[in-house]
Amino acid sequence: MAHPQPAARPDNPRFSSGPCAKPPTFSLDALSGAPLGRSHRAADGKAKLKQAIDETRALLGVPDDYRIGIVPASDTGAYEMAMWTMLGARPSETLAWESFGKGWVTDAVKQLKLDDNTVREAEYGEIVDLAAVDWDRDVCFTWNGTTSGVRVPDGSAIPDGRAGLTLCDATSAAFAQDLPWDKLDVTTFSWQKVMGGEAAHGMLILSPRAVERLESHTPAWPLPKIFRMTKGGKLNEGIFRGETINTPSMLCVEDYLQALAWGRSVGGLRGLMDRADRNAGLVWEFCDARDWIANLATDPATRSNTSVCLKFTDDAVAGDADFAKAVQKRLEAEGVALDVGSYRDAPAGLRIWCGATVEASDIEALLPWIDWAYHAEASQRRAAA
């Protein structure tokens, strides 16, 4: 049976998992207040950076005694700052169920060469047994697997009385999922994910326990300048007041402030989470109604509501990277979905960003096109066989 092309098209075909779609109200004119050509250490620059920190705290509900800093090199820079400055004080565990988690495993094992580190890994679509983790060790993990679409369901596995620190890579989760701050000692994310900000800047959030570790532990390895967060054994508080370690882009700061303002306008954190949940739910319903496509996450409780990863399940094409790429190219050629291929290290399939900056109407318009592209490519394959 032929599948005709759908009549409707997404108004915005940008479903990339990072950098993600800009907020629907984005306008270059809104960035006119950026203090361009000024020192970021001038009063105006520091005020903007401090505003970004304060508004992040308010929107995410970060406790008053947690520090928030803007640091170099996106989420990667923020997370590596934490690993290189805090690990090594006690035994550790590194958890991985997708490519970025595997990167932190590589840091722990091959770069830092930690003496007593346990590695726990799961295949794409699965998650490690969180109940088996020794939380009296320092534990490194991603909350939301951007490349696998698998997320931590909640913080119940993390005990309140843990002796170790929890180092959580929360990019793709912050602003879309309910992060339990009392269970997280280090939390990192980047502007270019859920809020659709511009890239290159990372956010580093530290609990009082993490600050105590920084002030009591001297790493056994040398630290690059951009990783150093203490002076004379005390936390460099300036970093957490907007006095950044290196030069930030004030244009990107202004863009992030506009994204935060938009987040407040749609109902704050609850509104942002609801938008992502609705978007992801539309994709899940689409998959549940078809026998040739499925969510890569095997357990519904661990499905991501932002980076929704899909696999083709028809025996004739399951795991076929060429087929998945051909479907992706059809969608891109029609201008209905850009950058929706699976991550290069992940199983073949599609990855649809469903974070809050994506409109539900665009998801609704996209899904019939996935139906069309799949059947068009499958029919071509059968005709050529």
Protein backbone atom coordinates (compact mmCIF):
# COMPACT_ATOMS: atom_id res chain seq x y z
CA MET A 1 0.00 0.00 0.00
CA ALA A 2 1.45 3.36 -1.06
CA HIS A 3 1.90 6.03 1.59
CA PRO A 4 1.33 9.52 0.13
CA GLN A 5 3.32 12.45 1.42
CA PRO A 6 1.62 14.24 4.30
CA ALA A 7 0.12 17.64 3.57
CA ALA A 8 1.31 19.43 6.71
CA ARG A 9 4.93 20.22 7.48
CA PRO A 10 6.59 21.31 10.74
CA ASP A 11 6.95 25.08 10.97
CA ASN A 12 10.37 24.46 12.52
CA PRO A 13 12.16 21.31 11.27
CA ARG A 14 14.99 21.61 13.81
CA PHE A 15 14.97 18.50 16.02
CA SER A 16 18.71 18.33 16.72
CA SER A 17 19.81 17.01 20.11
CA GLY A 18 22.38 19.76 20.45
CA PRO A 19 22.62 22.54 19.76
CA CYS A 20 18.87 22.34 20.15
CA ALA A 21 16.04 24.43 18.74
CA LYS A 22 15.93 28.02 19.92
CA PRO A 23 12.94 29.07 22.05
CA PRO A 24 9.91 29.77 19.84
CA THR A 25 10.06 33.49 20.67
CA PHE A 26 13.77 33.84 19.78
CA SER A 27 14.76 37.00 17.94
CA LEU A 28 18.15 38.52 17.26
CA ASP A 29 16.64 41.85 18.24
CA ALA A 30 16.22 40.54 21.79
CA LEU A 31 20.03 40.36 22.12
CA SER A 32 20.49 44.11 21.67
CA GLY A 33 21.09 44.56 25.40
CA ALA A 34 24.31 42.54 25.35
CA PRO A 35 27.31 44.61 26.55
CA LEU A 36 29.39 43.89 23.44
CA GLY A 37 32.87 45.33 23.16
CA ARG A 38 33.04 45.63 26.93
CA SER A 39 35.16 43.73 29.40
CA HIS A 40 33.30 40.89 31.06
CA ARG A 41 34.98 42.10 34.26
CA ALA A 42 33.39 45.55 33.97
CA ALA A 43 30.38 46.19 36.18
CA ASP A 44 27.90 45.58 33.34
CA GLY A 45 29.49 42.28 32.36
CA LYS A 46 29.68 40.95 35.90
CA ALA A 47 26.09 42.00 36.52
CA LYS A 48 24.88 40.05 33.48
CA LEU A 49 26.84 36.95 34.53
CA LYS A 50 25.51 37.19 38.08
CA GLN A 51 21.99 37.60 36.69
CA ALA A 52 22.42 34.40 34.67
CA ILE A 53 23.48 32.56 37.83
CA ASP A 54 20.64 33.96 39.94
CA GLU A 55 17.96 33.28 37.35
CA THR A 56 19.26 29.73 36.84
CA ARG A 57 18.95 29.15 40.58
CA ALA A 58 15.41 30.51 40.65
CA LEU A 59 14.16 28.58 37.61
CA LEU A 60 15.70 25.24 38.65
CA GLY A 61 14.96 25.61 42.36
CA VAL A 62 18.61 25.15 43.35
CA PRO A 63 19.08 25.40 47.15
CA ASP A 64 20.49 28.69 48.46
CA ASP A 65 23.58 27.00 49.92
CA TYR A 66 24.59 25.43 46.60
CA ARG A 67 27.10 27.35 44.45
CA ILE A 68 26.46 27.93 40.75
CA GLY A 69 29.29 28.85 38.38
CA ILE A 70 29.65 29.58 34.67
CA VAL A 71 32.71 27.76 33.37
CA PRO A 72 34.52 27.14 30.06
CA ALA A 73 33.99 24.37 27.51
CA SER A 74 30.31 23.56 27.86
CA ASP A 75 29.08 20.60 29.92
CA THR A 76 32.29 18.73 29.12
CA GLY A 77 34.44 21.41 30.70
CA ALA A 78 32.23 21.62 33.77
CA TYR A 79 32.21 17.87 34.33
CA GLU A 80 35.94 17.47 33.80
CA MET A 81 36.59 20.30 36.26
CA ALA A 82 34.70 18.30 38.87
CA MET A 83 36.37 14.97 38.08
CA TRP A 84 39.90 16.34 38.03
CA THR A 85 39.54 18.38 41.22
CA MET A 86 37.45 16.08 43.44
CA LEU A 87 38.15 12.46 42.56
CA GLY A 88 40.90 10.42 44.14
CA ALA A 89 40.01 11.29 47.73
CA ARG A 90 38.10 8.01 48.20
CA PRO A 91 37.17 4.95 46.08
CA SER A 92 34.88 5.68 43.15
CA GLU A 93 32.46 4.19 40.65
CA THR A 94 31.85 5.36 37.09
CA LEU A 95 28.56 4.42 35.44
CA ALA A 96 27.85 4.42 31.72
CA TRP A 97 24.89 3.56 29.51
CA GLU A 98 25.73 5.76 26.54
CA SER A 99 28.64 7.51 24.86
CA PHE A 100 29.11 10.48 27.19
CA GLY A 101 29.10 8.25 30.26
CA LYS A 102 31.68 6.10 28.51
CA GLY A 103 33.77 9.25 28.11
CA TRP A 104 33.77 9.79 31.87
CA VAL A 105 34.82 6.15 32.30
CA THR A 106 37.75 6.82 29.99
CA ASP A 107 38.74 9.86 32.06
CA ALA A 108 38.63 7.87 35.29
CA VAL A 109 40.43 4.79 33.99
CA LYS A 110 42.88 6.03 31.36
CA GLN A 111 43.51 9.67 32.22
CA LEU A 112 43.20 9.99 36.00
CA LYS A 113 44.06 6.28 36.45
CA LEU A 114 42.14 6.11 39.70
CA ASP A 115 43.46 3.40 42.01
CA ASP A 116 40.15 2.02 43.27
CA ASN A 117 37.46 2.63 40.67
CA THR A 118 34.60 0.30 39.74
CA VAL A 119 33.14 0.57 36.26
CA ARG A 120 29.50 -0.36 35.64
CA GLU A 121 28.24 -0.29 32.08
CA ALA A 122 24.99 -1.15 30.30
CA GLU A 123 24.17 -1.53 26.63
CA TYR A 124 22.37 1.22 24.72
CA GLY A 125 18.71 1.12 25.72
CA GLU A 126 19.48 -0.31 29.16
CA ILE A 127 20.61 1.25 32.45
CA VAL A 128 22.90 -0.11 35.13
CA ASP A 129 21.44 -1.55 38.35
CA LEU A 130 21.47 1.59 40.48
CA ALA A 131 20.60 -0.41 43.60
CA ALA A 132 23.91 -2.28 43.26
CA VAL A 133 26.00 0.91 43.23
CA ASP A 134 28.09 1.61 46.33
CA TRP A 135 27.09 5.22 47.06
CA ASP A 136 29.69 5.44 49.82
CA ARG A 137 32.11 5.76 46.92
CA ASP A 138 32.24 8.84 44.69
CA VAL A 139 29.87 8.05 41.83
CA CYS A 140 30.05 9.59 38.33
CA PHE A 141 27.02 9.23 36.04
CA THR A 142 24.82 10.91 33.46
CA TRP A 143 21.24 11.62 34.50
CA ASN A 144 19.94 11.56 30.93
CA GLY A 145 21.77 9.61 28.25
CA THR A 146 21.62 12.00 25.31
CA THR A 147 22.81 9.35 22.85
CA SER A 148 20.76 6.45 24.21
CA GLY A 149 17.52 8.09 25.31
CA VAL A 150 17.79 6.39 28.71
CA ARG A 151 17.45 8.41 31.91
CA VAL A 152 17.61 7.87 35.65
CA PRO A 153 13.94 7.49 36.65
CA ASP A 154 14.34 9.30 39.99
CA GLY A 155 16.76 9.73 42.87
CA SER A 156 15.39 6.98 45.09
CA ALA A 157 18.44 4.74 44.63
CA ILE A 158 20.76 7.40 46.05
CA PRO A 159 20.80 7.24 49.87
CA ASP A 160 20.58 10.38 51.96
CA GLY A 161 23.38 9.23 54.25
CA ARG A 162 25.90 8.41 51.53
CA ALA A 163 29.57 8.98 52.33
CA GLY A 164 30.64 9.58 48.73
CA LEU A 165 29.94 12.44 46.36
CA THR A 166 27.54 12.15 43.43
CA LEU A 167 28.87 13.76 40.25
CA CYS A 168 25.92 14.11 37.86
CA ASP A 169 26.18 15.09 34.21
CA ALA A 170 22.70 16.59 33.83
CA THR A 171 22.93 18.02 30.35
CA SER A 172 19.73 17.11 28.41
CA ALA A 173 18.01 16.73 31.81
CA ALA A 174 18.24 20.15 33.47
CA PHE A 175 15.10 22.22 32.77
CA ALA A 176 13.20 19.12 31.55
CA GLN A 177 13.43 16.59 34.39
CA ASP A 178 12.97 16.89 38.15
CA LEU A 179 16.51 16.81 39.56
CA PRO A 180 16.60 15.92 43.30
CA TRP A 181 19.14 18.44 44.55
CA ASP A 182 19.56 16.75 47.94
CA LYS A 183 20.89 13.68 46.10
CA LEU A 184 23.31 15.57 43.85
CA ASP A 185 26.65 17.02 44.96
CA VAL A 186 27.99 18.09 41.58
CA THR A 187 25.63 18.87 38.72
CA THR A 188 26.69 20.06 35.28
CA PHE A 189 24.91 21.05 32.09
CA SER A 190 25.23 23.33 29.08
CA TRP A 191 23.13 26.14 27.65
CA GLN A 192 22.66 24.61 24.21
CA LYS A 193 20.44 21.70 25.28
CA VAL A 194 17.00 22.07 26.86
CA MET A 195 16.94 25.88 26.82
CA GLY A 196 18.27 26.20 23.27
CA GLY A 197 21.05 28.60 24.25
CA GLU A 198 24.30 29.05 22.39
CA ALA A 199 27.20 26.65 22.92
CA ALA A 200 30.59 26.76 24.69
CA HIS A 201 29.50 27.67 28.22
CA GLY A 202 29.04 25.16 31.03
CA MET A 203 27.17 25.36 34.32
CA LEU A 204 28.69 23.85 37.46
CA ILE A 205 26.51 23.45 40.56
CA LEU A 206 28.15 22.39 43.84
CA SER A 207 26.57 21.22 47.09
CA PRO A 208 28.18 22.15 50.43
CA ARG A 209 29.64 18.63 50.50
CA ALA A 210 31.34 19.22 47.15
CA VAL A 211 32.77 22.51 48.38
CA GLU A 212 34.13 20.76 51.45
CA ARG A 213 35.84 18.22 49.20
CA LEU A 214 37.45 20.95 47.12
CA GLU A 215 38.80 22.65 50.23
CA SER A 216 40.07 19.46 51.89
CA HIS A 217 41.45 17.44 48.97
CA THR A 218 44.56 18.13 46.91
CA PRO A 219 44.64 16.01 43.72
CA ALA A 220 47.68 13.90 43.00
CA TRP A 221 47.91 15.28 39.46
CA PRO A 222 48.59 18.79 38.11
CA LEU A 223 45.54 20.90 37.25
CA PRO A 224 45.22 23.16 34.20
CA LYS A 225 44.40 26.77 35.04
CA ILE A 226 40.80 26.52 33.84
CA PHE A 227 40.15 23.63 36.28
CA ARG A 228 41.36 25.41 39.41
CA MET A 229 38.55 26.39 41.77
CA THR A 230 40.45 27.05 45.00
CA LYS A 231 42.99 29.60 46.21
CA GLY A 232 45.02 28.96 49.33
CA GLY A 233 42.89 25.93 50.15
CA LYS A 234 39.62 27.89 49.98
CA LEU A 235 36.96 28.00 47.30
CA ASN A 236 37.40 30.81 44.79
CA GLU A 237 34.00 32.36 45.46
CA GLY A 238 34.39 34.80 42.57
CA ILE A 239 33.71 32.00 40.07
CA PHE A 240 30.26 31.60 41.62
CA ARG A 241 29.49 35.32 41.49
CA GLY A 242 30.07 35.64 37.75
CA GLU A 243 33.82 36.28 37.78
CA THR A 244 34.55 33.64 35.17
CA ILE A 245 37.88 31.85 34.81
CA ASN A 246 38.22 32.80 31.16
CA THR A 247 36.47 35.21 28.81
CA PRO A 248 32.80 34.36 28.17
CA SER A 249 30.76 35.53 25.20
CA MET A 250 28.47 38.26 26.44
CA LEU A 251 26.32 37.70 23.35
CA CYS A 252 25.80 34.07 24.47
CA VAL A 253 25.09 35.25 28.02
CA GLU A 254 22.39 37.59 26.71
CA ASP A 255 20.93 34.76 24.65
CA TYR A 256 20.82 32.51 27.74
CA LEU A 257 19.09 35.24 29.73
CA GLN A 258 16.44 35.49 27.00
CA ALA A 259 15.97 31.72 27.11
CA LEU A 260 15.53 31.83 30.89
CA ALA A 261 12.95 34.60 30.50
CA TRP A 262 11.05 32.47 27.99
CA GLY A 263 11.21 29.55 30.43
CA ARG A 264 9.54 31.67 33.09
CA SER A 265 6.88 32.76 30.59
CA VAL A 266 5.73 29.17 29.92
CA GLY A 267 5.23 28.30 33.59
CA GLY A 268 8.74 27.95 34.92
CA LEU A 269 10.27 24.54 35.57
CA ARG A 270 6.90 22.78 35.75
CA GLY A 271 5.86 24.30 32.45
CA LEU A 272 9.15 23.33 30.80
CA MET A 273 8.88 19.74 32.03
CA ASP A 274 5.26 19.51 30.88
CA ARG A 275 6.20 20.70 27.39
CA ALA A 276 8.93 18.05 27.10
CA ASP A 277 6.64 15.34 28.50
CA ARG A 278 3.95 16.19 25.96
CA ASN A 279 6.37 16.19 23.06
CA ALA A 280 7.94 12.87 24.04
CA GLY A 281 4.53 11.33 24.71
CA LEU A 282 3.47 12.06 21.13
CA VAL A 283 6.49 10.12 19.83
CA TRP A 284 5.92 7.25 22.25
CA GLU A 285 2.29 6.94 21.16
CA PHE A 286 3.37 6.95 17.52
CA CYS A 287 5.79 4.06 18.18
CA ASP A 288 3.31 2.08 20.27
CA ALA A 289 0.85 2.13 17.36
CA ARG A 290 3.36 0.63 14.90
CA ASP A 291 5.21 -2.67 14.71
CA TRP A 292 8.24 -1.41 12.79
CA ILE A 293 9.61 1.25 15.14
CA ALA A 294 10.21 1.33 18.90
CA ASN A 295 11.82 3.34 21.67
CA LEU A 296 15.45 2.35 22.19
CA ALA A 297 14.90 2.50 25.97
CA THR A 298 13.70 -0.97 26.94
CA ASP A 299 12.03 0.10 30.22
CA PRO A 300 9.32 2.78 29.92
CA ALA A 301 10.35 4.13 33.34
CA THR A 302 13.76 5.08 31.95
CA ARG A 303 12.61 6.71 28.70
CA SER A 304 14.06 10.17 28.14
CA ASN A 305 11.60 12.98 27.51
CA THR A 306 14.21 15.05 25.68
CA SER A 307 16.55 12.96 23.52
CA VAL A 308 14.06 10.34 22.30
CA CYS A 309 16.00 7.58 20.55
CA LEU A 310 14.20 5.19 18.21
CA LYS A 311 15.10 1.94 16.49
CA PHE A 312 13.59 0.18 13.48
CA THR A 313 12.31 -3.24 14.52
CA ASP A 314 11.25 -4.78 11.20
CA ASP A 315 13.45 -7.89 10.77
CA ALA A 316 14.37 -6.81 7.25
CA VAL A 317 15.98 -3.54 8.35
CA ALA A 318 16.59 -3.78 12.11
CA GLY A 319 20.11 -2.57 12.88
CA ASP A 320 20.71 -1.57 9.26
CA ALA A 321 22.64 1.70 9.46
CA ASP A 322 22.29 2.37 5.72
CA PHE A 323 18.51 2.06 5.92
CA ALA A 324 18.29 4.36 8.94
CA LYS A 325 20.50 6.91 7.22
CA ALA A 326 18.38 6.75 4.08
CA VAL A 327 15.22 7.47 6.07
CA GLN A 328 16.98 10.38 7.76
CA LYS A 329 18.10 11.76 4.39
CA ARG A 330 14.56 11.57 2.99
CA LEU A 331 13.29 13.62 5.93
CA GLU A 332 16.06 16.17 5.51
CA ALA A 333 15.59 16.41 1.74
CA GLU A 334 11.93 17.25 2.30
CA GLY A 335 12.91 19.91 4.83
CA VAL A 336 10.75 18.37 7.57
CA ALA A 337 13.41 17.11 9.99
CA LEU A 338 17.03 18.20 10.32
CA ASP A 339 19.73 16.33 12.27
CA VAL A 340 17.58 13.41 13.46
CA GLY A 341 20.03 10.58 12.83
CA SER A 342 21.21 8.48 15.76
CA TYR A 343 24.48 9.45 17.40
CA ARG A 344 27.46 7.91 15.60
CA ASP A 345 28.25 5.44 18.41
CA ALA A 346 24.62 4.46 19.07
CA PRO A 347 22.51 1.75 17.41
CA ALA A 348 21.11 2.72 14.00
CA GLY A 349 17.84 4.60 14.09
CA LEU A 350 16.47 8.09 14.67
CA ARG A 351 16.87 10.58 17.51
CA ILE A 352 14.20 13.26 17.93
CA TRP A 353 14.78 16.11 20.34
CA CYS A 354 11.60 16.71 22.33
CA GLY A 355 12.81 19.33 24.80
CA ALA A 356 10.73 22.31 25.82
CA THR A 357 11.82 24.64 23.01
CA VAL A 358 10.20 22.30 20.47
CA GLU A 359 6.53 22.97 19.77
CA ALA A 360 4.13 20.02 20.08
CA SER A 361 2.54 21.04 16.78
CA ASP A 362 5.88 20.47 15.05
CA ILE A 363 6.19 16.99 16.56
CA GLU A 364 2.63 16.23 15.42
CA ALA A 365 3.46 17.38 11.90
CA LEU A 366 6.74 15.42 11.82
CA LEU A 367 5.43 11.98 12.78
CA PRO A 368 3.43 11.28 9.58
CA TRP A 369 6.55 12.14 7.63
CA ILE A 370 8.52 9.47 9.50
CA ASP A 371 5.76 7.03 8.51
CA TRP A 372 6.04 8.16 4.90
CA ALA A 373 9.87 8.06 4.80
CA TYR A 374 10.04 4.59 6.34
CA HIS A 375 7.55 3.07 3.91
CA ALA A 376 9.03 4.87 0.92
CA GLU A 377 12.50 3.55 1.68
CA ALA A 378 11.22 0.05 2.51
CA SER A 379 9.28 -0.07 -0.78
CA GLN A 380 12.36 1.00 -2.71
CA ARG A 381 14.36 -1.74 -1.03
CA ARG A 382 11.78 -4.38 -1.89
CA ALA A 383 11.63 -3.19 -5.51
CA ALA A 384 15.40 -3.41 -5.85
CA ALA A 385 15.62 -6.88 -4.30
